[in-house]
Amino acid sequence: MNEVLHTAFGITVTPWKLVGYLGVVLFAGRWFVQMAYSRAHGRPVVPTAFWFMSISGSLLLLSYFTFGKNDSVGILSNLFPAGVAGYNLYLDLTHKRSLRAPPGSS
């Protein structure tokens, strides 16, 4: 999967680079989602979508750095954020589930 799709302006685009670019868009775009939610609520808010975008972006970047580039620095820099985002998503969903549970149920 290392064939060149396109070369322009000195940038060679491969399928793995497209995976990496999508990961960057998701990972960076999560901050715009967070900002929009915070603006709508008038206070800092971290929505569930933030954690889904964090995990998705980290996993795509982790795939790019593992299979497309074989870069240990990129692997480590995306492995830990994916774990933290996964844990925070678990906490967020568990908290929301407890809020929906009827009183007296366990």
Protein backbone atom coordinates (compact mmCIF):
# COMPACT_ATOMS: atom_id res chain seq x y z
CA MET A 1 0.00 0.00 0.00
CA ASN A 2 2.93 2.34 -0.62
CA GLU A 3 2.06 3.24 -4.21
CA VAL A 4 2.10 6.91 -5.08
CA LEU A 5 -1.33 8.36 -5.74
CA HIS A 6 -0.25 11.87 -6.60
CA THR A 7 2.73 14.20 -6.41
CA ALA A 8 2.27 17.97 -6.33
CA PHE A 9 4.18 20.86 -4.82
CA GLY A 10 6.89 18.46 -3.69
CA ILE A 11 4.42 16.37 -1.66
CA THR A 12 4.02 12.71 -2.50
CA VAL A 13 0.62 11.33 -1.48
CA THR A 14 0.32 7.63 -0.72
CA PRO A 15 -2.64 5.69 0.73
CA TRP A 16 -0.90 5.61 4.13
CA LYS A 17 -0.45 9.37 4.03
CA LEU A 18 -4.20 9.72 3.43
CA VAL A 19 -4.74 7.63 6.58
CA GLY A 20 -2.33 9.93 8.43
CA TYR A 21 -3.98 13.09 7.12
CA LEU A 22 -7.42 11.83 8.21
CA GLY A 23 -5.97 11.09 11.65
CA VAL A 24 -4.57 14.60 11.90
CA VAL A 25 -7.90 16.14 10.85
CA LEU A 26 -9.79 14.14 13.50
CA PHE A 27 -7.22 14.68 16.24
CA ALA A 28 -6.91 18.41 15.60
CA GLY A 29 -10.60 18.88 14.76
CA ARG A 30 -11.66 17.62 18.18
CA TRP A 31 -10.60 20.98 19.62
CA PHE A 32 -12.99 22.83 17.31
CA VAL A 33 -15.80 20.50 18.42
CA GLN A 34 -14.90 21.16 22.06
CA MET A 35 -14.80 24.91 21.44
CA ALA A 36 -18.24 24.84 19.77
CA TYR A 37 -19.77 22.89 22.68
CA SER A 38 -18.17 25.24 25.21
CA ARG A 39 -19.43 28.29 23.36
CA ALA A 40 -22.94 26.86 23.23
CA HIS A 41 -22.90 26.13 26.99
CA GLY A 42 -21.11 29.32 28.04
CA ARG A 43 -18.51 27.33 29.99
CA PRO A 44 -15.77 24.78 29.25
CA VAL A 45 -17.39 21.48 28.19
CA VAL A 46 -15.76 18.31 26.87
CA PRO A 47 -18.36 16.46 24.78
CA THR A 48 -18.36 12.71 24.15
CA ALA A 49 -17.57 13.42 20.49
CA PHE A 50 -14.22 14.84 21.64
CA TRP A 51 -13.20 11.44 23.04
CA PHE A 52 -14.41 9.53 19.98
CA MET A 53 -12.44 11.90 17.74
CA SER A 54 -9.39 11.55 20.01
CA ILE A 55 -9.44 7.76 19.83
CA SER A 56 -10.15 7.67 16.09
CA GLY A 57 -7.46 10.20 15.27
CA SER A 58 -4.91 8.51 17.52
CA LEU A 59 -5.61 5.07 16.06
CA LEU A 60 -5.37 6.34 12.48
CA LEU A 61 -2.11 8.12 13.26
CA LEU A 62 -0.85 5.06 15.11
CA SER A 63 -1.63 2.96 12.01
CA TYR A 64 0.16 5.45 9.78
CA PHE A 65 3.27 5.55 11.95
CA THR A 66 3.28 1.75 12.43
CA PHE A 67 2.55 0.49 8.93
CA GLY A 68 3.10 3.46 6.64
CA LYS A 69 6.22 4.97 8.13
CA ASN A 70 7.60 2.58 10.79
CA ASP A 71 8.42 5.50 13.08
CA SER A 72 8.78 4.66 16.80
CA VAL A 73 8.48 8.32 17.87
CA GLY A 74 5.15 8.67 16.07
CA ILE A 75 3.99 5.34 17.49
CA LEU A 76 4.73 6.36 21.08
CA SER A 77 3.32 9.86 20.64
CA ASN A 78 -0.04 8.40 19.55
CA LEU A 79 -0.20 5.26 21.68
CA PHE A 80 -0.52 7.06 25.01
CA PRO A 81 -3.17 9.62 23.94
CA ALA A 82 -5.29 6.76 22.55
CA GLY A 83 -5.16 5.01 25.93
CA VAL A 84 -6.04 8.16 27.87
CA ALA A 85 -8.88 9.00 25.48
CA GLY A 86 -10.19 5.44 25.75
CA TYR A 87 -10.23 5.65 29.55
CA ASN A 88 -11.92 9.06 29.52
CA LEU A 89 -14.54 7.81 27.04
CA TYR A 90 -15.22 4.86 29.35
CA LEU A 91 -15.67 7.24 32.32
CA ASP A 92 -17.90 9.57 30.27
CA LEU A 93 -20.18 6.77 29.04
CA THR A 94 -20.34 5.12 32.48
CA HIS A 95 -21.30 8.46 34.07
CA LYS A 96 -24.00 9.11 31.46
CA ARG A 97 -25.38 5.58 31.89
CA SER A 98 -25.63 6.10 35.68
CA LEU A 99 -27.56 9.35 35.12
CA ARG A 100 -30.11 7.51 32.93
CA ALA A 101 -30.59 4.61 35.35
CA PRO A 102 -33.88 4.69 37.25
CA PRO A 103 -33.60 5.43 40.99
CA GLY A 104 -33.01 2.35 43.13
CA SER A 105 -31.59 0.22 40.29
CA SER A 106 -28.07 -1.09 40.40
